[in-house]
C-alpha atoms as a PDB file:
ATOM      1  CA  MET A   1       0.000   0.000   0.000  1.00  0.00           C
ATOM      2  CA  ASP A   2       1.753   3.110   1.267  1.00  0.00           C
ATOM      3  CA  ASN A   3       4.448   4.329   3.613  1.00  0.00           C
ATOM      4  CA  TYR A   4       3.437   6.548   6.515  1.00  0.00           C
ATOM      5  CA  TYR A   5       5.975   8.705   8.322  1.00  0.00           C
ATOM      6  CA  SER A   6       5.747   9.986  11.878  1.00  0.00           C
ATOM      7  CA  GLN A   7       7.998  11.056  14.725  1.00  0.00           C
ATOM      8  CA  ASP A   8       5.394  10.055  17.325  1.00  0.00           C
ATOM      9  CA  SER A   9       5.800   6.991  19.496  1.00  0.00           C
ATOM     10  CA  LEU A  10       2.082   6.236  18.962  1.00  0.00           C
ATOM     11  CA  ILE A  11       1.243   5.629  15.307  1.00  0.00           C
ATOM     12  CA  LEU A  12      -2.373   6.240  14.240  1.00  0.00           C
ATOM     13  CA  TYR A  13      -3.309   6.348  10.553  1.00  0.00           C
ATOM     14  CA  ASN A  14      -6.506   5.983   8.579  1.00  0.00           C
ATOM     15  CA  ILE A  15      -6.474   4.244   5.233  1.00  0.00           C
ATOM     16  CA  ARG A  16      -9.576   5.143   3.236  1.00  0.00           C
ATOM     17  CA  GLY A  17     -11.302   3.619   0.261  1.00  0.00           C
ATOM     18  CA  LEU A  18     -10.869  -0.058   1.141  1.00  0.00           C
ATOM     19  CA  LYS A  19     -13.600  -2.583   0.390  1.00  0.00           C
ATOM     20  CA  SER A  20     -15.457  -4.010   3.385  1.00  0.00           C
ATOM     21  CA  ARG A  21     -14.128  -7.549   3.059  1.00  0.00           C
ATOM     22  CA  GLU A  22     -11.466  -9.462   4.948  1.00  0.00           C
ATOM     23  CA  MET A  23      -7.964  -8.525   3.810  1.00  0.00           C
ATOM     24  CA  LYS A  24      -4.460  -9.492   4.893  1.00  0.00           C
ATOM     25  CA  PHE A  25      -2.230  -6.716   6.253  1.00  0.00           C
ATOM     26  CA  ALA A  26       1.436  -6.621   7.236  1.00  0.00           C
ATOM     27  CA  PHE A  27       2.969  -3.947   9.475  1.00  0.00           C
ATOM     28  CA  TYR A  28       6.510  -3.032  10.429  1.00  0.00           C
ATOM     29  CA  VAL A  29       8.234   0.014  11.894  1.00  0.00           C
ATOM     30  CA  ARG A  30      11.471   1.492  10.547  1.00  0.00           C
ATOM     31  CA  ASP A  31      13.555   4.181  12.228  1.00  0.00           C
ATOM     32  CA  ARG A  32      15.700   6.894  10.642  1.00  0.00           C
ATOM     33  CA  TRP A  33      18.750   4.597  10.747  1.00  0.00           C
ATOM     34  CA  LEU A  34      16.822   2.042   8.626  1.00  0.00           C
ATOM     35  CA  ASN A  35      16.429  -0.461  11.481  1.00  0.00           C
ATOM     36  CA  LYS A  36      13.210  -2.461  11.006  1.00  0.00           C
ATOM     37  CA  SER A  37      11.003  -4.235  13.508  1.00  0.00           C
ATOM     38  CA  ASP A  38       9.633  -7.708  12.950  1.00  0.00           C
ATOM     39  CA  THR A  39       6.710  -7.756  10.534  1.00  0.00           C
ATOM     40  CA  LEU A  40       3.312  -8.311  12.108  1.00  0.00           C
ATOM     41  CA  TYR A  41       0.717 -10.070   9.943  1.00  0.00           C
ATOM     42  CA  THR A  42      -3.028  -9.974  10.536  1.00  0.00           C
ATOM     43  CA  SER A  43      -6.351 -10.321   8.723  1.00  0.00           C
ATOM     44  CA  LEU A  44      -8.732  -7.401   9.172  1.00  0.00           C
ATOM     45  CA  THR A  45     -12.121  -6.404   7.774  1.00  0.00           C
ATOM     46  CA  PRO A  46     -12.279  -2.630   7.179  1.00  0.00           C
ATOM     47  CA  LEU A  47     -15.430  -0.791   8.226  1.00  0.00           C
ATOM     48  CA  GLU A  48     -17.814   0.135   5.436  1.00  0.00           C
ATOM     49  CA  GLU A  49     -17.431   3.752   4.369  1.00  0.00           C
ATOM     50  CA  ASN A  50     -20.457   5.699   3.127  1.00  0.00           C
ATOM     51  CA  LEU A  51     -20.531   9.138   1.566  1.00  0.00           C
ATOM     52  CA  PHE A  52     -23.351  11.484   2.487  1.00  0.00           C
ATOM     53  CA  PRO A  53     -24.802  13.936  -0.058  1.00  0.00           C
ATOM     54  CA  ARG A  54     -23.420  17.374   0.788  1.00  0.00           C
ATOM     55  CA  GLN A  55     -26.563  19.056  -0.575  1.00  0.00           C
ATOM     56  CA  GLN A  56     -28.548  17.658   2.350  1.00  0.00           C
ATOM     57  CA  PHE A  57     -26.383  19.450   4.946  1.00  0.00           C
ATOM     58  CA  ALA A  58     -27.141  22.949   6.222  1.00  0.00           C
ATOM     59  CA  ALA A  59     -25.675  25.267   8.827  1.00  0.00           C
ATOM     60  CA  LEU A  60     -27.335  25.240  12.233  1.00  0.00           C
ATOM     61  CA  HIS A  61     -27.478  28.690  13.800  1.00  0.00           C
ATOM     62  CA  LEU A  62     -28.509  28.630  17.453  1.00  0.00           C
ATOM     63  CA  PRO A  63     -29.496  31.704  19.466  1.00  0.00           C
ATOM     64  CA  GLY A  64     -26.543  33.277  21.237  1.00  0.00           C
ATOM     65  CA  MET A  65     -23.930  31.703  18.950  1.00  0.00           C
ATOM     66  CA  ARG A  66     -21.473  33.821  17.040  1.00  0.00           C
ATOM     67  CA  SER A  67     -21.218  33.517  13.298  1.00  0.00           C
ATOM     68  CA  ILE A  68     -18.945  30.616  12.334  1.00  0.00           C
ATOM     69  CA  CYS A  69     -16.714  31.122   9.329  1.00  0.00           C
ATOM     70  CA  THR A  70     -17.707  28.599   6.642  1.00  0.00           C
ATOM     71  CA  GLY A  71     -15.896  30.155   3.723  1.00  0.00           C
ATOM     72  CA  ARG A  72     -18.679  32.682   3.098  1.00  0.00           C
ATOM     73  CA  LEU A  73     -19.384  35.919   4.896  1.00  0.00           C
ATOM     74  CA  ARG A  74     -22.663  35.918   6.762  1.00  0.00           C
ATOM     75  CA  LYS A  75     -24.610  39.164   6.960  1.00  0.00           C
END
């Protein structure tokens, strides 16, 4: 798939666009000196991802709230 780079000790990444069926994955960690950990193998089933139609969303303006910048100026 891809390489993901981080300086954090806790590695959290999302991989999007995978089919919701069982797949085999392999993981390893490499440091800046090119030392690699053992490879961990596992079978995972990604969660189904659904897109929502953006046209059905609208801003919710509650009393007492300030105007929130949404890319357009509100008058």
